[in-house]
């Protein structure tokens, strides 16, 4: 892993990210806006569940396949 390798967003995790979890909070963001969390294999399900139970999760995509829209990436 290099300094440029994306890492998992789970608290305390430093593993390489392999998933992008695209989400938004409908109370704060327009429907097309996507915030992103990154996840390693171990934390993908946990982070997806966390976002999903709140109604925030919009998509889970392999990092290698992620093509962010310039207006929605953050």
Protein backbone atom coordinates (compact mmCIF):
# COMPACT_ATOMS: atom_id res chain seq x y z
CA UNK A 1 0.00 0.00 0.00
CA UNK A 2 1.33 3.46 -0.88
CA UNK A 3 0.45 6.89 0.47
CA UNK A 4 -1.85 7.27 -2.55
CA UNK A 5 -3.72 3.99 -1.99
CA UNK A 6 -7.32 4.72 -0.96
CA UNK A 7 -8.05 3.36 2.50
CA UNK A 8 -11.21 2.11 4.15
CA UNK A 9 -13.45 4.70 5.83
CA UNK A 10 -14.23 2.47 8.83
CA UNK A 11 -12.97 3.98 12.07
CA UNK A 12 -9.42 2.85 12.77
CA UNK A 13 -9.11 0.73 9.62
CA UNK A 14 -6.05 1.28 7.42
CA UNK A 15 -6.75 -1.49 4.90
CA UNK A 16 -6.85 -0.76 1.18
CA UNK A 17 -10.32 0.17 -0.06
CA UNK A 18 -11.90 -2.01 -2.71
CA UNK A 19 -15.49 -0.70 -2.58
CA UNK A 20 -17.14 2.70 -2.98
CA UNK A 21 -20.36 3.28 -1.05
CA UNK A 22 -22.24 6.17 -2.63
CA UNK A 23 -24.77 7.84 -0.37
CA UNK A 24 -26.60 11.01 0.47
CA UNK A 25 -28.63 12.39 3.32
CA UNK A 26 -31.91 13.55 1.76
CA UNK A 27 -32.34 16.13 4.52
CA UNK A 28 -29.05 17.80 3.55
CA UNK A 29 -28.28 16.92 -0.07
CA UNK A 30 -30.05 17.24 -3.39
CA UNK A 31 -31.18 13.87 -4.82
CA UNK A 32 -28.38 13.72 -7.41
CA UNK A 33 -25.60 14.53 -4.89
CA UNK A 34 -23.43 11.60 -3.85
CA UNK A 35 -21.09 11.51 -0.90
CA UNK A 36 -18.73 8.55 -0.77
CA UNK A 37 -17.22 6.23 1.76
CA UNK A 38 -14.59 3.68 0.89
CA UNK A 39 -14.61 0.15 2.27
CA UNK A 40 -12.28 -2.81 2.50
CA UNK A 41 -13.73 -6.32 2.12
CA UNK A 42 -14.08 -6.71 5.90
CA UNK A 43 -16.05 -3.48 6.47
CA UNK A 44 -18.21 -3.32 3.33
CA UNK A 45 -21.22 -4.99 4.92
CA UNK A 46 -20.99 -3.03 8.19
CA UNK A 47 -20.72 0.36 6.46
CA UNK A 48 -23.46 -0.56 3.96
CA UNK A 49 -25.79 -1.56 6.79
CA UNK A 50 -25.03 1.63 8.73
CA UNK A 51 -25.96 3.78 5.72
CA UNK A 52 -28.80 1.52 4.62
CA UNK A 53 -30.78 1.58 7.88
CA UNK A 54 -30.75 5.38 7.69
CA UNK A 55 -31.97 5.36 4.08
CA UNK A 56 -28.75 7.00 2.89
CA UNK A 57 -27.12 4.22 0.81
CA UNK A 58 -27.60 4.68 -2.94
CA UNK A 59 -25.03 2.36 -4.53
CA UNK A 60 -22.10 0.03 -3.81
CA UNK A 61 -19.53 -0.21 -6.61
CA UNK A 62 -16.12 -1.86 -6.86
CA UNK A 63 -13.47 0.85 -6.58
CA UNK A 64 -11.91 -0.28 -9.87
CA UNK A 65 -15.27 0.33 -11.61
CA UNK A 66 -16.18 3.63 -9.91
CA UNK A 67 -16.62 6.53 -12.30
CA UNK A 68 -17.55 9.58 -10.23
CA UNK A 69 -19.54 12.36 -11.77
CA UNK A 70 -17.62 15.60 -11.29
CA UNK A 71 -20.64 17.27 -9.68
CA UNK A 72 -21.33 14.55 -7.14
CA UNK A 73 -17.94 13.28 -5.92
CA UNK A 74 -16.92 14.16 -2.40
